[in-house]
N, C-alpha and C. Protein backbone atom coordinates (compact mmCIF):
# COMPACT_ATOMS: atom_id res chain seq x y z
N MET A 1 -27.35 -3.29 -87.60
CA MET A 1 -26.15 -3.86 -88.20
C MET A 1 -25.42 -4.68 -87.14
N ASN A 2 -25.08 -5.88 -87.47
CA ASN A 2 -24.30 -6.69 -86.55
C ASN A 2 -22.84 -6.62 -86.95
N ILE A 3 -22.25 -5.48 -86.66
CA ILE A 3 -20.90 -5.20 -87.11
C ILE A 3 -19.86 -6.10 -86.45
N ASN A 4 -20.08 -6.49 -85.21
CA ASN A 4 -19.10 -7.31 -84.51
C ASN A 4 -18.84 -8.64 -85.22
N LYS A 5 -19.86 -9.19 -85.83
CA LYS A 5 -19.69 -10.47 -86.53
C LYS A 5 -19.22 -10.28 -87.96
N SER A 6 -19.44 -9.10 -88.55
CA SER A 6 -19.10 -8.91 -89.97
C SER A 6 -17.74 -8.25 -90.18
N PHE A 7 -17.13 -7.72 -89.13
CA PHE A 7 -15.84 -7.03 -89.28
C PHE A 7 -14.72 -8.06 -89.21
N ILE A 8 -13.94 -8.14 -90.27
CA ILE A 8 -12.83 -9.09 -90.35
C ILE A 8 -11.54 -8.34 -90.08
N LYS A 9 -10.93 -8.63 -88.94
CA LYS A 9 -9.69 -7.93 -88.54
C LYS A 9 -8.50 -8.57 -89.24
N ILE A 10 -7.68 -7.72 -89.86
CA ILE A 10 -6.45 -8.21 -90.46
C ILE A 10 -5.24 -7.77 -89.64
N TRP A 11 -5.46 -6.82 -88.73
CA TRP A 11 -4.42 -6.37 -87.80
C TRP A 11 -5.11 -5.86 -86.55
N GLU A 12 -4.53 -6.18 -85.39
CA GLU A 12 -5.09 -5.69 -84.13
C GLU A 12 -3.98 -5.63 -83.09
N VAL A 13 -4.03 -4.60 -82.28
CA VAL A 13 -3.16 -4.52 -81.12
C VAL A 13 -4.06 -4.37 -79.89
N ALA A 14 -3.89 -5.31 -78.96
CA ALA A 14 -4.67 -5.28 -77.72
C ALA A 14 -3.94 -4.38 -76.74
N LEU A 15 -4.68 -3.52 -76.08
CA LEU A 15 -4.11 -2.59 -75.12
C LEU A 15 -4.71 -2.89 -73.76
N ASN A 16 -3.86 -3.11 -72.79
CA ASN A 16 -4.36 -3.39 -71.44
C ASN A 16 -3.44 -2.79 -70.41
N ASP A 17 -3.84 -2.86 -69.16
CA ASP A 17 -3.09 -2.24 -68.07
C ASP A 17 -1.71 -2.84 -67.87
N LYS A 18 -1.51 -4.06 -68.25
CA LYS A 18 -0.23 -4.73 -67.99
C LYS A 18 0.81 -4.46 -69.06
N THR A 19 0.43 -3.76 -70.10
CA THR A 19 1.33 -3.52 -71.22
C THR A 19 1.52 -2.03 -71.44
N ASP A 20 2.71 -1.66 -71.80
CA ASP A 20 2.95 -0.26 -72.16
C ASP A 20 2.44 -0.06 -73.59
N TYR A 21 1.15 0.24 -73.71
CA TYR A 21 0.55 0.26 -75.04
C TYR A 21 1.03 1.43 -75.88
N TYR A 22 1.49 2.49 -75.28
CA TYR A 22 2.00 3.59 -76.09
C TYR A 22 3.22 3.16 -76.89
N SER A 23 4.08 2.34 -76.30
CA SER A 23 5.24 1.87 -77.05
C SER A 23 4.82 0.93 -78.18
N LYS A 24 3.77 0.12 -77.94
CA LYS A 24 3.25 -0.75 -78.99
C LYS A 24 2.72 0.08 -80.16
N ILE A 25 1.95 1.12 -79.83
CA ILE A 25 1.33 1.95 -80.84
C ILE A 25 2.38 2.74 -81.62
N LYS A 26 3.32 3.33 -80.93
CA LYS A 26 4.34 4.16 -81.59
C LYS A 26 5.12 3.38 -82.63
N LYS A 27 5.31 2.09 -82.40
CA LYS A 27 6.07 1.26 -83.34
C LYS A 27 5.27 0.96 -84.61
N ARG A 28 3.93 1.01 -84.52
CA ARG A 28 3.12 0.52 -85.64
C ARG A 28 2.29 1.59 -86.35
N LEU A 29 2.03 2.72 -85.71
CA LEU A 29 1.16 3.73 -86.32
C LEU A 29 1.86 5.07 -86.44
N CYS A 30 1.56 5.78 -87.51
CA CYS A 30 2.12 7.13 -87.65
C CYS A 30 1.53 8.05 -86.59
N ARG A 31 2.19 9.15 -86.32
CA ARG A 31 1.80 10.05 -85.24
C ARG A 31 0.37 10.58 -85.40
N ASN A 32 -0.02 10.94 -86.62
CA ASN A 32 -1.36 11.49 -86.83
C ASN A 32 -2.45 10.47 -86.52
N LEU A 33 -2.20 9.23 -86.90
CA LEU A 33 -3.18 8.19 -86.60
C LEU A 33 -3.24 7.90 -85.10
N GLN A 34 -2.10 8.01 -84.43
CA GLN A 34 -2.09 7.86 -82.98
C GLN A 34 -2.99 8.90 -82.32
N VAL A 35 -2.94 10.15 -82.81
CA VAL A 35 -3.77 11.23 -82.25
C VAL A 35 -5.24 10.89 -82.38
N LEU A 36 -5.64 10.40 -83.53
CA LEU A 36 -7.06 10.08 -83.74
C LEU A 36 -7.51 8.88 -82.91
N LEU A 37 -6.69 7.85 -82.83
CA LEU A 37 -7.12 6.60 -82.22
C LEU A 37 -6.91 6.52 -80.71
N ILE A 38 -5.92 7.23 -80.16
CA ILE A 38 -5.69 7.09 -78.71
C ILE A 38 -5.85 8.39 -77.94
N SER A 39 -6.33 9.43 -78.58
CA SER A 39 -6.53 10.71 -77.91
C SER A 39 -7.57 10.59 -76.81
N ASP A 40 -7.33 11.29 -75.70
CA ASP A 40 -8.31 11.34 -74.62
C ASP A 40 -9.36 12.42 -74.85
N GLY A 41 -9.17 13.23 -75.88
CA GLY A 41 -10.12 14.31 -76.15
C GLY A 41 -11.40 13.79 -76.76
N SER A 42 -12.37 14.66 -76.88
CA SER A 42 -13.66 14.31 -77.46
C SER A 42 -13.52 14.11 -78.96
N LEU A 43 -13.86 12.93 -79.44
CA LEU A 43 -13.81 12.65 -80.87
C LEU A 43 -14.72 13.61 -81.63
N THR A 44 -15.91 13.86 -81.11
CA THR A 44 -16.85 14.76 -81.78
C THR A 44 -16.28 16.17 -81.90
N ASN A 45 -15.68 16.68 -80.83
CA ASN A 45 -15.07 18.02 -80.90
C ASN A 45 -13.92 18.04 -81.88
N ASN A 46 -13.08 17.00 -81.88
CA ASN A 46 -11.98 16.94 -82.84
C ASN A 46 -12.49 16.91 -84.27
N LEU A 47 -13.55 16.16 -84.51
CA LEU A 47 -14.12 16.09 -85.86
C LEU A 47 -14.75 17.43 -86.26
N ASN A 48 -15.40 18.12 -85.32
CA ASN A 48 -15.94 19.45 -85.62
C ASN A 48 -14.85 20.37 -86.12
N ILE A 49 -13.69 20.32 -85.50
CA ILE A 49 -12.56 21.16 -85.91
C ILE A 49 -12.04 20.72 -87.28
N LEU A 50 -11.84 19.42 -87.46
CA LEU A 50 -11.31 18.91 -88.73
C LEU A 50 -12.24 19.18 -89.90
N GLU A 51 -13.52 18.96 -89.70
CA GLU A 51 -14.48 19.08 -90.78
C GLU A 51 -14.94 20.52 -90.99
N ALA A 52 -14.71 21.38 -90.01
CA ALA A 52 -15.10 22.80 -90.06
C ALA A 52 -16.61 22.98 -90.19
N VAL A 53 -17.36 21.96 -89.86
CA VAL A 53 -18.82 22.04 -89.81
C VAL A 53 -19.28 21.19 -88.63
N PRO A 54 -20.45 21.48 -88.09
CA PRO A 54 -20.94 20.67 -86.96
C PRO A 54 -21.14 19.21 -87.35
N ILE A 55 -20.84 18.35 -86.41
CA ILE A 55 -21.05 16.92 -86.60
C ILE A 55 -22.42 16.57 -86.02
N SER A 56 -23.19 15.82 -86.79
CA SER A 56 -24.50 15.42 -86.30
C SER A 56 -24.57 13.90 -86.18
N LEU A 57 -25.59 13.44 -85.50
CA LEU A 57 -25.75 12.02 -85.21
C LEU A 57 -27.01 11.50 -85.89
N GLN A 58 -26.88 10.33 -86.48
CA GLN A 58 -28.05 9.62 -87.00
C GLN A 58 -28.17 8.32 -86.21
N LEU A 59 -29.25 8.21 -85.46
CA LEU A 59 -29.49 7.00 -84.68
C LEU A 59 -29.99 5.90 -85.62
N ILE A 60 -29.30 4.78 -85.63
CA ILE A 60 -29.72 3.64 -86.46
C ILE A 60 -30.66 2.75 -85.67
N LYS A 61 -30.20 2.39 -84.45
CA LYS A 61 -30.99 1.46 -83.65
C LYS A 61 -30.59 1.59 -82.20
N GLN A 62 -31.58 1.45 -81.34
CA GLN A 62 -31.34 1.42 -79.90
C GLN A 62 -32.29 0.40 -79.32
N GLU A 63 -31.73 -0.61 -78.64
CA GLU A 63 -32.57 -1.66 -78.10
C GLU A 63 -31.94 -2.27 -76.86
N GLU A 64 -32.76 -2.82 -76.01
CA GLU A 64 -32.26 -3.50 -74.82
C GLU A 64 -31.83 -4.91 -75.20
N GLN A 65 -30.70 -5.33 -74.60
CA GLN A 65 -30.18 -6.67 -74.84
C GLN A 65 -29.81 -7.29 -73.51
N LEU A 66 -30.04 -8.58 -73.41
CA LEU A 66 -29.69 -9.32 -72.21
C LEU A 66 -28.23 -9.74 -72.31
N TYR A 67 -27.48 -9.49 -71.26
CA TYR A 67 -26.06 -9.86 -71.22
C TYR A 67 -25.88 -10.93 -70.16
N TYR A 68 -25.30 -12.03 -70.54
CA TYR A 68 -25.06 -13.12 -69.60
C TYR A 68 -23.64 -13.01 -69.07
N SER A 69 -23.52 -12.90 -67.78
CA SER A 69 -22.23 -12.77 -67.11
C SER A 69 -21.58 -14.14 -66.96
N SER A 70 -20.27 -14.12 -66.69
CA SER A 70 -19.57 -15.38 -66.40
C SER A 70 -19.93 -15.89 -65.00
N ILE A 71 -20.57 -15.04 -64.21
CA ILE A 71 -21.03 -15.45 -62.88
C ILE A 71 -22.36 -16.18 -63.07
N PRO A 72 -22.48 -17.41 -62.54
CA PRO A 72 -23.73 -18.17 -62.72
C PRO A 72 -24.96 -17.40 -62.20
N ASN A 73 -26.04 -17.51 -62.94
CA ASN A 73 -27.33 -16.88 -62.62
C ASN A 73 -27.26 -15.36 -62.52
N LYS A 74 -26.27 -14.75 -63.13
CA LYS A 74 -26.14 -13.28 -63.09
C LYS A 74 -26.29 -12.76 -64.51
N THR A 75 -27.35 -12.03 -64.76
CA THR A 75 -27.55 -11.41 -66.06
C THR A 75 -27.83 -9.93 -65.84
N SER A 76 -27.58 -9.16 -66.86
CA SER A 76 -27.84 -7.72 -66.82
C SER A 76 -28.50 -7.32 -68.12
N ILE A 77 -29.27 -6.26 -68.05
CA ILE A 77 -29.87 -5.72 -69.27
C ILE A 77 -29.09 -4.47 -69.66
N PHE A 78 -28.60 -4.49 -70.88
CA PHE A 78 -27.86 -3.36 -71.43
C PHE A 78 -28.64 -2.76 -72.58
N THR A 79 -28.42 -1.50 -72.82
CA THR A 79 -28.96 -0.87 -74.02
C THR A 79 -27.85 -0.84 -75.05
N ALA A 80 -28.13 -1.34 -76.23
CA ALA A 80 -27.19 -1.29 -77.36
C ALA A 80 -27.65 -0.16 -78.27
N ARG A 81 -26.74 0.72 -78.61
CA ARG A 81 -27.06 1.90 -79.43
C ARG A 81 -26.11 1.93 -80.62
N GLU A 82 -26.67 1.99 -81.82
CA GLU A 82 -25.88 2.10 -83.04
C GLU A 82 -26.13 3.46 -83.66
N ILE A 83 -25.04 4.16 -83.99
CA ILE A 83 -25.17 5.49 -84.57
C ILE A 83 -24.18 5.69 -85.72
N LEU A 84 -24.49 6.67 -86.54
CA LEU A 84 -23.56 7.16 -87.55
C LEU A 84 -23.33 8.63 -87.26
N LEU A 85 -22.09 9.05 -87.27
CA LEU A 85 -21.77 10.47 -87.18
C LEU A 85 -21.57 10.97 -88.59
N THR A 86 -22.06 12.16 -88.86
CA THR A 86 -22.01 12.71 -90.20
C THR A 86 -21.74 14.20 -90.15
N HIS A 87 -21.20 14.74 -91.25
CA HIS A 87 -21.05 16.19 -91.34
C HIS A 87 -21.93 16.77 -92.43
N THR A 88 -22.53 15.93 -93.23
CA THR A 88 -23.58 16.33 -94.18
C THR A 88 -24.60 15.20 -94.18
N LYS A 89 -25.70 15.41 -94.84
CA LYS A 89 -26.73 14.36 -94.82
C LYS A 89 -26.29 13.10 -95.55
N GLU A 90 -25.34 13.22 -96.48
CA GLU A 90 -24.92 12.04 -97.23
C GLU A 90 -23.61 11.45 -96.76
N LYS A 91 -22.81 12.18 -96.01
CA LYS A 91 -21.44 11.79 -95.71
C LYS A 91 -21.30 11.22 -94.30
N TYR A 92 -21.28 9.89 -94.20
CA TYR A 92 -21.06 9.25 -92.91
C TYR A 92 -19.56 9.13 -92.67
N ILE A 93 -19.11 9.52 -91.48
CA ILE A 93 -17.68 9.48 -91.22
C ILE A 93 -17.29 8.53 -90.09
N ILE A 94 -18.22 8.21 -89.20
CA ILE A 94 -17.95 7.28 -88.10
C ILE A 94 -19.20 6.42 -87.88
N PHE A 95 -18.98 5.11 -87.70
CA PHE A 95 -20.03 4.24 -87.21
C PHE A 95 -19.62 3.83 -85.80
N ALA A 96 -20.56 3.88 -84.86
CA ALA A 96 -20.26 3.48 -83.49
C ALA A 96 -21.39 2.64 -82.92
N LYS A 97 -20.99 1.67 -82.13
CA LYS A 97 -21.95 0.87 -81.38
C LYS A 97 -21.54 0.93 -79.92
N SER A 98 -22.49 1.27 -79.05
CA SER A 98 -22.18 1.36 -77.63
C SER A 98 -23.14 0.50 -76.83
N TYR A 99 -22.66 0.08 -75.67
CA TYR A 99 -23.45 -0.71 -74.73
C TYR A 99 -23.38 -0.01 -73.38
N TYR A 100 -24.53 0.18 -72.76
CA TYR A 100 -24.54 0.83 -71.45
C TYR A 100 -25.76 0.38 -70.66
N GLN A 101 -25.66 0.55 -69.35
CA GLN A 101 -26.79 0.30 -68.47
C GLN A 101 -27.38 1.65 -68.09
N GLN A 102 -28.66 1.81 -68.31
CA GLN A 102 -29.32 3.11 -68.08
C GLN A 102 -29.17 3.59 -66.64
N ASN A 103 -29.18 2.67 -65.68
CA ASN A 103 -29.08 3.08 -64.28
C ASN A 103 -27.67 3.49 -63.87
N ILE A 104 -26.67 3.23 -64.69
CA ILE A 104 -25.29 3.61 -64.38
C ILE A 104 -24.89 4.89 -65.11
N LEU A 105 -25.34 5.05 -66.34
CA LEU A 105 -24.98 6.22 -67.13
C LEU A 105 -25.65 7.46 -66.55
N PRO A 106 -24.90 8.55 -66.31
CA PRO A 106 -25.48 9.72 -65.65
C PRO A 106 -26.34 10.61 -66.55
N ILE A 107 -26.55 10.21 -67.78
CA ILE A 107 -27.40 10.97 -68.70
C ILE A 107 -28.38 10.02 -69.37
N ASP A 108 -29.43 10.56 -69.93
CA ASP A 108 -30.44 9.75 -70.59
C ASP A 108 -30.23 9.82 -72.10
N LEU A 109 -29.60 8.79 -72.66
CA LEU A 109 -29.34 8.78 -74.10
C LEU A 109 -30.62 8.60 -74.91
N ILE A 110 -31.61 7.96 -74.33
CA ILE A 110 -32.84 7.70 -75.06
C ILE A 110 -33.52 9.01 -75.44
N LYS A 111 -33.47 10.01 -74.56
CA LYS A 111 -34.12 11.29 -74.82
C LYS A 111 -33.22 12.25 -75.60
N ASN A 112 -31.96 11.91 -75.78
CA ASN A 112 -31.02 12.80 -76.45
C ASN A 112 -30.53 12.18 -77.75
N ASN A 113 -30.51 12.94 -78.78
CA ASN A 113 -30.01 12.48 -80.07
C ASN A 113 -28.71 13.22 -80.37
N LYS A 114 -27.78 13.14 -79.42
CA LYS A 114 -26.48 13.79 -79.56
C LYS A 114 -25.39 12.74 -79.34
N PRO A 115 -24.19 13.00 -79.85
CA PRO A 115 -23.08 12.08 -79.58
C PRO A 115 -22.83 11.97 -78.08
N LEU A 116 -22.48 10.76 -77.64
CA LEU A 116 -22.29 10.48 -76.22
C LEU A 116 -21.24 11.39 -75.59
N GLY A 117 -20.10 11.55 -76.26
CA GLY A 117 -19.04 12.40 -75.71
C GLY A 117 -19.51 13.82 -75.46
N LYS A 118 -20.28 14.37 -76.39
CA LYS A 118 -20.79 15.73 -76.23
C LYS A 118 -21.75 15.80 -75.04
N LEU A 119 -22.62 14.80 -74.90
CA LEU A 119 -23.55 14.78 -73.77
C LEU A 119 -22.82 14.72 -72.43
N LEU A 120 -21.78 13.90 -72.36
CA LEU A 120 -21.02 13.77 -71.12
C LEU A 120 -20.27 15.06 -70.80
N ILE A 121 -19.70 15.70 -71.82
CA ILE A 121 -19.01 16.98 -71.61
C ILE A 121 -20.00 18.04 -71.16
N ASP A 122 -21.14 18.12 -71.84
CA ASP A 122 -22.17 19.12 -71.49
C ASP A 122 -22.70 18.90 -70.07
N SER A 123 -22.77 17.64 -69.63
CA SER A 123 -23.28 17.36 -68.29
C SER A 123 -22.18 17.50 -67.23
N GLU A 124 -20.97 17.84 -67.67
CA GLU A 124 -19.82 18.07 -66.79
C GLU A 124 -19.49 16.86 -65.92
N VAL A 125 -19.67 15.67 -66.47
CA VAL A 125 -19.30 14.44 -65.79
C VAL A 125 -17.81 14.21 -66.05
N GLU A 126 -17.05 13.93 -64.98
CA GLU A 126 -15.64 13.62 -65.14
C GLU A 126 -15.51 12.20 -65.66
N ILE A 127 -14.88 12.07 -66.82
CA ILE A 127 -14.75 10.76 -67.44
C ILE A 127 -13.32 10.57 -67.94
N TYR A 128 -12.98 9.33 -68.20
CA TYR A 128 -11.76 9.02 -68.91
C TYR A 128 -11.99 7.78 -69.75
N ARG A 129 -11.11 7.59 -70.72
CA ARG A 129 -11.25 6.50 -71.69
C ARG A 129 -10.19 5.44 -71.41
N LYS A 130 -10.60 4.18 -71.46
CA LYS A 130 -9.67 3.05 -71.35
C LYS A 130 -9.79 2.25 -72.65
N ILE A 131 -8.78 2.35 -73.47
CA ILE A 131 -8.82 1.70 -74.79
C ILE A 131 -8.45 0.23 -74.64
N HIS A 132 -9.28 -0.64 -75.24
CA HIS A 132 -9.03 -2.09 -75.22
C HIS A 132 -8.18 -2.52 -76.40
N SER A 133 -8.55 -2.04 -77.61
CA SER A 133 -7.82 -2.46 -78.79
C SER A 133 -8.05 -1.49 -79.95
N ILE A 134 -7.08 -1.52 -80.83
CA ILE A 134 -7.14 -0.77 -82.09
C ILE A 134 -6.97 -1.81 -83.19
N TYR A 135 -7.76 -1.68 -84.25
CA TYR A 135 -7.72 -2.70 -85.28
C TYR A 135 -7.94 -2.11 -86.67
N TYR A 136 -7.65 -2.95 -87.66
CA TYR A 136 -7.72 -2.57 -89.07
C TYR A 136 -8.30 -3.77 -89.78
N GLY A 137 -9.30 -3.55 -90.63
CA GLY A 137 -9.90 -4.69 -91.30
C GLY A 137 -10.99 -4.31 -92.28
N TYR A 138 -11.82 -5.28 -92.61
CA TYR A 138 -12.83 -5.14 -93.64
C TYR A 138 -14.22 -5.46 -93.10
N SER A 139 -15.21 -4.78 -93.66
CA SER A 139 -16.61 -5.07 -93.36
C SER A 139 -17.45 -4.68 -94.57
N SER A 140 -18.14 -5.65 -95.14
CA SER A 140 -19.00 -5.34 -96.29
C SER A 140 -20.15 -4.41 -95.87
N ILE A 141 -20.61 -4.55 -94.63
CA ILE A 141 -21.69 -3.68 -94.12
C ILE A 141 -21.22 -2.23 -94.07
N LEU A 142 -20.04 -2.02 -93.51
CA LEU A 142 -19.51 -0.65 -93.42
C LEU A 142 -19.13 -0.10 -94.78
N GLU A 143 -18.63 -0.95 -95.67
CA GLU A 143 -18.31 -0.49 -97.02
C GLU A 143 -19.56 0.07 -97.70
N LYS A 144 -20.69 -0.56 -97.51
CA LYS A 144 -21.94 -0.06 -98.09
C LYS A 144 -22.36 1.26 -97.44
N LYS A 145 -22.30 1.31 -96.11
CA LYS A 145 -22.70 2.53 -95.39
C LYS A 145 -21.79 3.70 -95.75
N PHE A 146 -20.48 3.44 -95.77
CA PHE A 146 -19.51 4.49 -96.04
C PHE A 146 -19.36 4.79 -97.54
N GLN A 147 -19.95 3.94 -98.39
CA GLN A 147 -19.78 4.05 -99.84
C GLN A 147 -18.29 4.11 -100.18
N TYR A 148 -17.58 3.15 -99.63
CA TYR A 148 -16.13 3.06 -99.78
C TYR A 148 -15.76 1.59 -99.74
N GLN A 149 -14.84 1.20 -100.61
CA GLN A 149 -14.39 -0.18 -100.60
C GLN A 149 -12.93 -0.22 -100.18
N GLY A 150 -12.66 -0.96 -99.12
CA GLY A 150 -11.30 -1.08 -98.64
C GLY A 150 -11.25 -1.20 -97.13
N PRO A 151 -10.04 -1.28 -96.59
CA PRO A 151 -9.89 -1.48 -95.15
C PRO A 151 -10.29 -0.25 -94.33
N ILE A 152 -10.68 -0.51 -93.09
CA ILE A 152 -11.21 0.52 -92.18
C ILE A 152 -10.53 0.36 -90.82
N TRP A 153 -10.18 1.48 -90.20
CA TRP A 153 -9.63 1.48 -88.84
C TRP A 153 -10.78 1.48 -87.82
N GLY A 154 -10.54 0.85 -86.68
CA GLY A 154 -11.51 0.85 -85.60
C GLY A 154 -10.84 0.78 -84.26
N ARG A 155 -11.62 1.02 -83.23
CA ARG A 155 -11.11 0.90 -81.85
C ARG A 155 -12.27 0.52 -80.93
N SER A 156 -11.92 -0.10 -79.81
CA SER A 156 -12.89 -0.46 -78.78
C SER A 156 -12.37 0.08 -77.45
N TYR A 157 -13.28 0.69 -76.68
CA TYR A 157 -12.86 1.26 -75.41
C TYR A 157 -14.03 1.41 -74.45
N ASP A 158 -13.68 1.57 -73.17
CA ASP A 158 -14.66 1.88 -72.14
C ASP A 158 -14.57 3.36 -71.83
N ILE A 159 -15.69 3.96 -71.47
CA ILE A 159 -15.70 5.29 -70.85
C ILE A 159 -16.03 5.05 -69.39
N LEU A 160 -15.16 5.56 -68.52
CA LEU A 160 -15.31 5.36 -67.09
C LEU A 160 -15.55 6.68 -66.38
N GLY A 161 -16.32 6.64 -65.32
CA GLY A 161 -16.57 7.78 -64.46
C GLY A 161 -16.85 7.29 -63.06
N ASN A 162 -16.35 7.99 -62.07
CA ASN A 162 -16.50 7.57 -60.67
C ASN A 162 -16.10 6.11 -60.47
N GLN A 163 -15.03 5.70 -61.16
CA GLN A 163 -14.46 4.36 -61.07
C GLN A 163 -15.42 3.26 -61.50
N LYS A 164 -16.39 3.61 -62.35
CA LYS A 164 -17.34 2.63 -62.91
C LYS A 164 -17.28 2.71 -64.43
N ILE A 165 -17.49 1.58 -65.06
CA ILE A 165 -17.61 1.58 -66.52
C ILE A 165 -18.99 2.13 -66.85
N LEU A 166 -19.01 3.24 -67.60
CA LEU A 166 -20.28 3.85 -68.00
C LEU A 166 -20.78 3.26 -69.31
N THR A 167 -19.85 2.99 -70.22
CA THR A 167 -20.25 2.44 -71.52
C THR A 167 -19.05 1.79 -72.21
N LEU A 168 -19.34 0.80 -73.05
CA LEU A 168 -18.36 0.18 -73.93
C LEU A 168 -18.69 0.65 -75.33
N ILE A 169 -17.68 1.10 -76.07
CA ILE A 169 -17.91 1.64 -77.41
C ILE A 169 -16.97 0.98 -78.42
N HIS A 170 -17.54 0.65 -79.58
CA HIS A 170 -16.76 0.21 -80.75
C HIS A 170 -16.96 1.28 -81.81
N GLU A 171 -15.86 1.86 -82.32
CA GLU A 171 -15.95 2.90 -83.35
C GLU A 171 -15.19 2.46 -84.60
N PHE A 172 -15.74 2.83 -85.76
CA PHE A 172 -15.13 2.51 -87.04
C PHE A 172 -15.07 3.79 -87.86
N PHE A 173 -13.91 4.09 -88.41
CA PHE A 173 -13.63 5.37 -89.05
C PHE A 173 -13.63 5.28 -90.57
N HIS A 174 -14.38 6.15 -91.22
CA HIS A 174 -14.32 6.27 -92.67
C HIS A 174 -12.92 6.75 -93.05
N PRO A 175 -12.31 6.19 -94.07
CA PRO A 175 -10.95 6.59 -94.43
C PRO A 175 -10.77 8.08 -94.74
N THR A 176 -11.81 8.79 -95.14
CA THR A 176 -11.64 10.22 -95.40
C THR A 176 -11.32 11.00 -94.13
N VAL A 177 -11.76 10.48 -92.98
CA VAL A 177 -11.40 11.12 -91.71
C VAL A 177 -9.89 11.09 -91.54
N LEU A 178 -9.28 9.98 -91.92
CA LEU A 178 -7.83 9.86 -91.79
C LEU A 178 -7.10 10.80 -92.74
N LYS A 179 -7.69 11.09 -93.89
CA LYS A 179 -7.06 12.02 -94.83
C LYS A 179 -6.98 13.42 -94.26
N LYS A 180 -7.92 13.77 -93.39
CA LYS A 180 -7.87 15.07 -92.72
C LYS A 180 -6.62 15.19 -91.85
N PHE A 181 -6.11 14.01 -91.43
CA PHE A 181 -4.90 13.98 -90.62
C PHE A 181 -3.67 13.74 -91.49
N ASP A 182 -3.83 13.82 -92.81
CA ASP A 182 -2.74 13.58 -93.76
C ASP A 182 -2.14 12.18 -93.59
N ILE A 183 -3.02 11.19 -93.39
CA ILE A 183 -2.55 9.82 -93.22
C ILE A 183 -2.63 9.10 -94.54
C-alpha cells in the first residue's frame, strides 16, 4: 500500500524541537486523544489493555528501498515494513509503515513477526519517541482495509536510541480505537 501518496490530510499540526508542541496539542485535541497520539508508552501495550485481548501483527510487506539523501552521491538502503495490528483475525485497528536500516536497529525485524515497540521493550533497549506530526484525513486504501468510511487520525514519529534514529514510523488509527478512549 502506498499510503503516503493516498492519504489526504485535512488537518495537521507539525511538532518540532523549536515549538512547544504540547501547548499546540492541548488547544486542538481532547485529553483522551492526546494520550493516544502523544504518549511515550508502548502503543501495543496500551492497546492490549484497551482491547482486553492480545494484539497481533499481520505483515503486509517488507522490502528494501533506496533512499536518496540531500547530500550529493549519498544514498542509503532502508527496509520499509508495512503492518496491520489486529485484536481478532478480522478487526484491523492500526496500519503502520516503518523505515529502518538493518545495521542500526538493535533487533532483527525480518526474523520477528511482532510489533516493533514490543520487540524493543523485550530487548531492553532504551528508546524514546520524537513525534513529527499528528494529522487527520482520508484514505480510500485505509477505508477498505479498516472497513470504515470517514476520516482517520495518524501520526509520524522517530524512535531514537543511543542518540540515533532507529526507525521512522507512520501510524494510522481505526476510529474504533478512539472510541475506547471515549472520543
